[in-house]
């Protein structure tokens, strides 16, 4: 299994938007960088994670600014009394 190289897109390319992160084989990543579509991504040091990258779980995952990311597993469901969602979603997703 080959290692993936994480890149940050500088402009849109094949369904990826600017500022998205994605992992590719080294050859593909180099091609994207040489053509100006992406730059190498360095993981921020502990305690200095940016809001855009904090949701990434692994090098192959894409994170988009404004996309939902998992948190502690409990989210407010908007009900009064401070009720929280247990982390399971029984409703059908659109």
N, C-alpha and C. Protein backbone atom coordinates (compact mmCIF):
# COMPACT_ATOMS: atom_id res chain seq x y z
N UNK A 1 0.85 -1.18 0.00
CA UNK A 1 0.00 0.00 0.00
C UNK A 1 0.89 1.23 0.00
N UNK A 2 0.60 2.14 -0.92
CA UNK A 2 1.44 3.33 -1.01
C UNK A 2 0.94 4.42 -0.07
N UNK A 3 1.87 5.27 0.33
CA UNK A 3 1.51 6.40 1.19
C UNK A 3 0.85 7.47 0.35
N UNK A 4 -0.07 8.18 0.96
CA UNK A 4 -0.76 9.28 0.29
C UNK A 4 -0.10 10.59 0.67
N UNK A 5 -0.10 11.52 -0.26
CA UNK A 5 0.41 12.86 -0.03
C UNK A 5 -0.80 13.78 0.05
N UNK A 6 -0.92 14.53 1.13
CA UNK A 6 -2.06 15.42 1.32
C UNK A 6 -1.74 16.77 0.68
N UNK A 7 -2.69 17.25 -0.12
CA UNK A 7 -2.55 18.54 -0.77
C UNK A 7 -3.74 19.42 -0.42
N UNK A 8 -3.53 20.73 -0.49
CA UNK A 8 -4.61 21.72 -0.33
C UNK A 8 -4.79 22.34 -1.71
N UNK A 9 -6.04 22.29 -2.21
CA UNK A 9 -6.30 22.84 -3.53
C UNK A 9 -6.29 24.36 -3.49
N UNK A 10 -5.66 24.95 -4.50
CA UNK A 10 -5.58 26.39 -4.64
C UNK A 10 -6.68 26.91 -5.54
N UNK A 11 -7.17 26.04 -6.44
CA UNK A 11 -8.28 26.37 -7.32
C UNK A 11 -9.02 25.08 -7.64
N UNK A 12 -10.21 25.19 -8.21
CA UNK A 12 -11.04 24.03 -8.49
C UNK A 12 -10.37 23.07 -9.47
N UNK A 13 -10.55 21.76 -9.22
CA UNK A 13 -10.02 20.73 -10.10
C UNK A 13 -10.87 19.46 -9.92
N UNK A 14 -11.52 19.00 -10.99
CA UNK A 14 -12.27 17.74 -11.01
C UNK A 14 -13.16 17.51 -9.79
N UNK A 15 -13.98 18.45 -9.47
CA UNK A 15 -14.90 18.29 -8.35
C UNK A 15 -14.37 18.77 -7.01
N UNK A 16 -13.10 19.07 -6.92
CA UNK A 16 -12.53 19.63 -5.69
C UNK A 16 -12.58 21.14 -5.80
N UNK A 17 -12.86 21.80 -4.69
CA UNK A 17 -12.90 23.26 -4.64
C UNK A 17 -11.63 23.79 -4.00
N UNK A 18 -11.37 25.06 -4.20
CA UNK A 18 -10.23 25.71 -3.55
C UNK A 18 -10.36 25.54 -2.05
N UNK A 19 -9.25 25.34 -1.39
CA UNK A 19 -9.13 25.16 0.07
C UNK A 19 -9.47 23.77 0.56
N UNK A 20 -9.93 22.87 -0.30
CA UNK A 20 -10.20 21.50 0.14
C UNK A 20 -8.89 20.74 0.29
N UNK A 21 -8.89 19.74 1.17
CA UNK A 21 -7.75 18.86 1.37
C UNK A 21 -8.09 17.49 0.81
N UNK A 22 -7.10 16.83 0.22
CA UNK A 22 -7.31 15.48 -0.30
C UNK A 22 -5.96 14.78 -0.37
N UNK A 23 -5.98 13.45 -0.29
CA UNK A 23 -4.75 12.66 -0.37
C UNK A 23 -4.66 11.93 -1.71
N UNK A 24 -3.48 11.97 -2.31
CA UNK A 24 -3.23 11.33 -3.59
C UNK A 24 -1.89 10.61 -3.56
N UNK A 25 -1.69 9.73 -4.54
CA UNK A 25 -0.37 9.13 -4.71
C UNK A 25 0.61 10.26 -5.03
N UNK A 26 1.87 10.04 -4.71
CA UNK A 26 2.88 11.08 -4.87
C UNK A 26 2.95 11.63 -6.30
N UNK A 27 2.82 10.77 -7.27
CA UNK A 27 2.90 11.19 -8.68
C UNK A 27 1.77 12.15 -9.04
N UNK A 28 0.56 11.86 -8.61
CA UNK A 28 -0.59 12.73 -8.88
C UNK A 28 -0.42 14.05 -8.13
N UNK A 29 -0.01 13.99 -6.87
CA UNK A 29 0.18 15.20 -6.07
C UNK A 29 1.22 16.12 -6.72
N UNK A 30 2.30 15.55 -7.21
CA UNK A 30 3.33 16.35 -7.87
C UNK A 30 2.80 17.02 -9.12
N UNK A 31 1.97 16.31 -9.88
CA UNK A 31 1.37 16.89 -11.08
C UNK A 31 0.45 18.06 -10.75
N UNK A 32 -0.35 17.90 -9.69
CA UNK A 32 -1.24 18.98 -9.26
C UNK A 32 -0.43 20.21 -8.81
N UNK A 33 0.64 19.96 -8.08
CA UNK A 33 1.47 21.07 -7.61
C UNK A 33 2.18 21.76 -8.78
N UNK A 34 2.70 20.99 -9.72
CA UNK A 34 3.45 21.58 -10.83
C UNK A 34 2.56 22.41 -11.76
N UNK A 35 1.27 22.08 -11.82
CA UNK A 35 0.34 22.83 -12.67
C UNK A 35 -0.38 23.95 -11.91
N UNK A 36 -0.07 24.12 -10.63
CA UNK A 36 -0.62 25.22 -9.86
C UNK A 36 -2.01 24.97 -9.29
N UNK A 37 -2.49 23.73 -9.30
CA UNK A 37 -3.80 23.43 -8.75
C UNK A 37 -3.76 23.22 -7.24
N UNK A 38 -2.61 22.82 -6.71
CA UNK A 38 -2.55 22.47 -5.29
C UNK A 38 -1.17 22.76 -4.74
N UNK A 39 -1.10 22.74 -3.40
CA UNK A 39 0.17 22.87 -2.70
C UNK A 39 0.24 21.77 -1.65
N UNK A 40 1.44 21.44 -1.24
CA UNK A 40 1.61 20.42 -0.20
C UNK A 40 0.97 20.93 1.08
N UNK A 41 0.31 20.03 1.81
CA UNK A 41 -0.34 20.40 3.06
C UNK A 41 0.47 19.86 4.21
N UNK A 42 0.80 20.73 5.14
CA UNK A 42 1.49 20.34 6.36
C UNK A 42 0.50 20.43 7.50
N UNK A 43 0.34 19.36 8.24
CA UNK A 43 -0.58 19.36 9.37
C UNK A 43 -0.13 20.40 10.39
N UNK A 44 -1.07 21.25 10.85
CA UNK A 44 -0.71 22.27 11.84
C UNK A 44 -0.20 21.61 13.13
N UNK A 45 0.67 22.30 13.80
CA UNK A 45 1.19 21.80 15.07
C UNK A 45 0.07 21.76 16.10
N UNK A 46 0.20 20.91 17.10
CA UNK A 46 -0.83 20.75 18.14
C UNK A 46 -1.18 22.09 18.75
N UNK A 47 -2.48 22.34 18.92
CA UNK A 47 -2.94 23.57 19.53
C UNK A 47 -3.11 24.71 18.55
N UNK A 48 -2.67 24.53 17.31
CA UNK A 48 -2.78 25.58 16.32
C UNK A 48 -3.55 25.11 15.09
N UNK A 49 -4.43 24.14 15.27
CA UNK A 49 -5.21 23.60 14.14
C UNK A 49 -6.15 24.66 13.61
N UNK A 50 -6.21 24.78 12.30
CA UNK A 50 -7.13 25.74 11.71
C UNK A 50 -8.53 25.15 11.68
N UNK A 51 -9.52 26.00 11.62
CA UNK A 51 -10.92 25.55 11.61
C UNK A 51 -11.21 24.72 10.38
N UNK A 52 -10.57 25.01 9.27
CA UNK A 52 -10.83 24.28 8.03
C UNK A 52 -10.28 22.87 8.08
N UNK A 53 -9.16 22.67 8.73
CA UNK A 53 -8.51 21.37 8.72
C UNK A 53 -8.82 20.52 9.94
N UNK A 54 -9.45 21.08 10.95
CA UNK A 54 -9.63 20.36 12.20
C UNK A 54 -10.53 19.14 12.09
N UNK A 55 -11.35 19.05 11.05
CA UNK A 55 -12.26 17.92 10.90
C UNK A 55 -11.64 16.71 10.22
N UNK A 56 -10.46 16.81 9.66
CA UNK A 56 -9.86 15.70 8.94
C UNK A 56 -9.49 14.58 9.89
N UNK A 57 -9.90 13.36 9.56
CA UNK A 57 -9.60 12.20 10.38
C UNK A 57 -8.37 11.47 9.89
N UNK A 58 -8.11 11.53 8.58
CA UNK A 58 -6.94 10.88 8.01
C UNK A 58 -6.54 11.58 6.74
N UNK A 59 -5.42 11.20 6.19
CA UNK A 59 -4.86 11.90 5.05
C UNK A 59 -5.73 11.79 3.81
N UNK A 60 -6.56 10.77 3.67
CA UNK A 60 -7.36 10.59 2.48
C UNK A 60 -8.70 11.28 2.53
N UNK A 61 -9.02 11.91 3.64
CA UNK A 61 -10.34 12.53 3.78
C UNK A 61 -10.31 13.97 3.32
N UNK A 62 -11.37 14.39 2.66
CA UNK A 62 -11.50 15.75 2.20
C UNK A 62 -12.34 16.53 3.20
N UNK A 63 -11.87 17.73 3.53
CA UNK A 63 -12.61 18.59 4.44
C UNK A 63 -12.87 19.89 3.71
N UNK A 64 -14.11 20.33 3.73
CA UNK A 64 -14.49 21.57 3.07
C UNK A 64 -14.90 22.58 4.14
N UNK A 65 -14.48 23.80 3.95
CA UNK A 65 -14.88 24.85 4.89
C UNK A 65 -16.39 24.90 4.94
N UNK A 66 -16.94 24.90 6.14
CA UNK A 66 -18.38 24.96 6.31
C UNK A 66 -19.06 23.61 6.31
N UNK A 67 -18.32 22.54 6.05
CA UNK A 67 -18.95 21.23 6.06
C UNK A 67 -19.04 20.74 7.50
N UNK A 68 -20.08 19.95 7.81
CA UNK A 68 -20.21 19.46 9.18
C UNK A 68 -19.11 18.47 9.51
N UNK A 69 -18.62 18.54 10.72
CA UNK A 69 -17.63 17.59 11.18
C UNK A 69 -18.11 16.98 12.47
N UNK A 70 -17.63 15.81 12.80
CA UNK A 70 -18.04 15.17 14.03
C UNK A 70 -17.42 15.88 15.22
N UNK A 71 -18.16 15.94 16.31
CA UNK A 71 -17.62 16.53 17.53
C UNK A 71 -17.73 15.51 18.64
N UNK A 72 -18.16 15.92 19.78
CA UNK A 72 -18.20 15.03 20.93
C UNK A 72 -19.27 13.96 20.83
N UNK A 73 -20.11 13.99 19.79
CA UNK A 73 -21.16 13.01 19.64
C UNK A 73 -22.49 13.50 20.18
N UNK A 74 -22.50 14.61 20.88
CA UNK A 74 -23.74 15.17 21.40
C UNK A 74 -23.93 16.54 20.78
N UNK A 75 -25.08 16.74 20.18
CA UNK A 75 -25.37 18.03 19.56
C UNK A 75 -26.75 18.48 19.98
N UNK A 76 -26.90 19.76 20.15
CA UNK A 76 -28.20 20.29 20.56
C UNK A 76 -29.20 20.06 19.43
N UNK A 77 -30.39 19.59 19.80
CA UNK A 77 -31.41 19.37 18.79
C UNK A 77 -32.38 20.52 18.72
N UNK A 78 -32.12 21.61 19.40
CA UNK A 78 -32.95 22.79 19.35
C UNK A 78 -34.12 22.74 20.32
N UNK A 79 -34.28 21.66 21.08
CA UNK A 79 -35.38 21.54 22.02
C UNK A 79 -35.07 22.35 23.27
N UNK A 80 -36.13 22.79 23.92
CA UNK A 80 -35.93 23.53 25.16
C UNK A 80 -35.50 22.57 26.27
N UNK A 81 -34.88 23.12 27.29
CA UNK A 81 -34.49 22.31 28.43
C UNK A 81 -33.11 21.69 28.28
N UNK A 82 -32.36 22.07 27.26
CA UNK A 82 -31.00 21.59 27.12
C UNK A 82 -30.89 20.15 26.67
N UNK A 83 -31.91 19.62 26.03
CA UNK A 83 -31.83 18.25 25.54
C UNK A 83 -30.77 18.18 24.45
N UNK A 84 -30.11 17.04 24.36
CA UNK A 84 -29.11 16.84 23.33
C UNK A 84 -29.40 15.58 22.55
N UNK A 85 -28.90 15.55 21.34
CA UNK A 85 -29.03 14.39 20.48
C UNK A 85 -28.03 13.34 20.95
N UNK A 86 -28.43 12.09 21.02
CA UNK A 86 -27.56 11.03 21.52
C UNK A 86 -26.46 10.65 20.55
N UNK A 87 -26.45 11.26 19.37
CA UNK A 87 -25.42 10.91 18.39
C UNK A 87 -25.94 9.95 17.35
N UNK A 88 -27.12 9.36 17.57
CA UNK A 88 -27.71 8.50 16.56
C UNK A 88 -28.78 9.28 15.82
N UNK A 89 -28.94 9.00 14.58
CA UNK A 89 -29.91 9.71 13.76
C UNK A 89 -30.86 8.70 13.15
N UNK A 90 -32.06 8.60 13.73
CA UNK A 90 -33.03 7.63 13.24
C UNK A 90 -33.84 8.16 12.07
N UNK A 91 -33.77 9.47 11.82
CA UNK A 91 -34.51 10.03 10.71
C UNK A 91 -33.79 9.75 9.40
N UNK A 92 -34.57 9.59 8.34
CA UNK A 92 -33.98 9.36 7.02
C UNK A 92 -33.27 10.63 6.56
N UNK A 93 -32.13 10.45 5.96
CA UNK A 93 -31.37 11.60 5.45
C UNK A 93 -31.77 11.86 4.01
N UNK A 94 -31.82 13.13 3.64
CA UNK A 94 -32.22 13.48 2.27
C UNK A 94 -31.23 12.99 1.24
